[in-house]
Amino acid sequence: MEETYLLNVEGVKKKILHGGQGELPKLQDGSKITFHFQTLKDDFERTVIDDSREAGMPMEIIVGKMFKLEIWETLLSSMRIGEVAEFWCDAIHTGMYALVSRGMRRIAEGRDPLEGQKHRCGMGNMFDYHSTGYDDLDELQRTPQPLIFIMELFRVEDPSAYKRDTWAMSKEEKLAAVPVLHSEGNRLVLRREFAQAAAKYQEAVICLRNLQAKEKPWEDGWLKLESLVTPLVLNYCQCQLELGEYYEVLEHTTELLQKHNDNAKAYFKRAKAHAAVWNEREAREDFQRVAHLDPSMAAAVKKELKQLGERMRKKHVEDRKRYQGLFQSPQGL
């Protein structure tokens, strides 16, 4: 079982470490493959670069959508369920690994793997971004080299058998998913399940942002998508207000207002977040902008300003008492 042999691919060697079961799975475009992997340098120490077990979750890839590292599909297609195998791959197959690893690490961190990328090919993005954000990957990017992959195949699912992750969806699938996610978020809000609702709104925003990255900013296609993003971001911020995540609200509303400085609802939510963290001046300025931009919200603004004034007065009284206690001389001295 440990005999090393060549796959029918130039620059690849395979060693079976543990045999699998059954026939070779039939892969088709859109199939989901679940497996654990280790990536090692081909040096004396066999330095570990990535390890999905350390990340705490198995890796999942979609056939035909694997960030330009096509060799992984070839390697996995040679494995049976339950098999553990070691593959040595020459540098002709590993030149894009740094970018692929960057995406996988972002997924493991709960981030969008396409965050910040321009609509260009993988190699173009490599030149646009001189750093991947990870020192070890920057080294691989500068000096492509042979790598060793140790893989354990768990399962292969047909495209119809699972819910596809946002990043793996086609344009049409993303557009179709947005209203569904929006509706699910609204339903969860009615049940006051704000954390779950926020996750739905966030997923919908990621779908749209990925599509926006392929459009020219401020042109018709981009603006149409932006009109769908804005209410989702506002809903997300409302959930974060309910959850007490005020600085999260400040970040997202400020980003939104940098593009749309006439959005009264964004100012209103930012004002409430400022008020919650005792930024009185900023809160008052934002509330006043709301009343100016949308007179129909004047009553709500008046109520919020009254509550802010009462909270600030109470805080000032409590602060004075606290400071008096600090500087008061102990009796008998």
Foldseek 3Di string as FASTA:
>chain_A
DQDKDDDPDPFKIKGWPFAADDDQDDADQFKKWWKWKWKFAPDPVRHTDDTVVVLPGTDIDGPPQQLPLNVVVVVSSVGHAFIKMKMKGFLVRCLLVLLSVLLVVCVSVVHHSCPPAAPDRSVVSCVVDCDSPDVVSNVCNVPRGIMMMIMHTHDIGDNVPDDDQLVRDDLVVLVVLLVVLQVVLVVVVVVVVLVSSLVSLVSNLSSLVVVLSHPDPPDDVNVVSVVSNVVSLLSNLVSCVVVVVLVVLLVSLVVVCVVVVLDLSSLQSNLSSCLVVPVVVSNLVSLVSSCVSDVVCVVVSVVVNVVSVVVVVVVVVVVVVVVCVVPDDDPPD
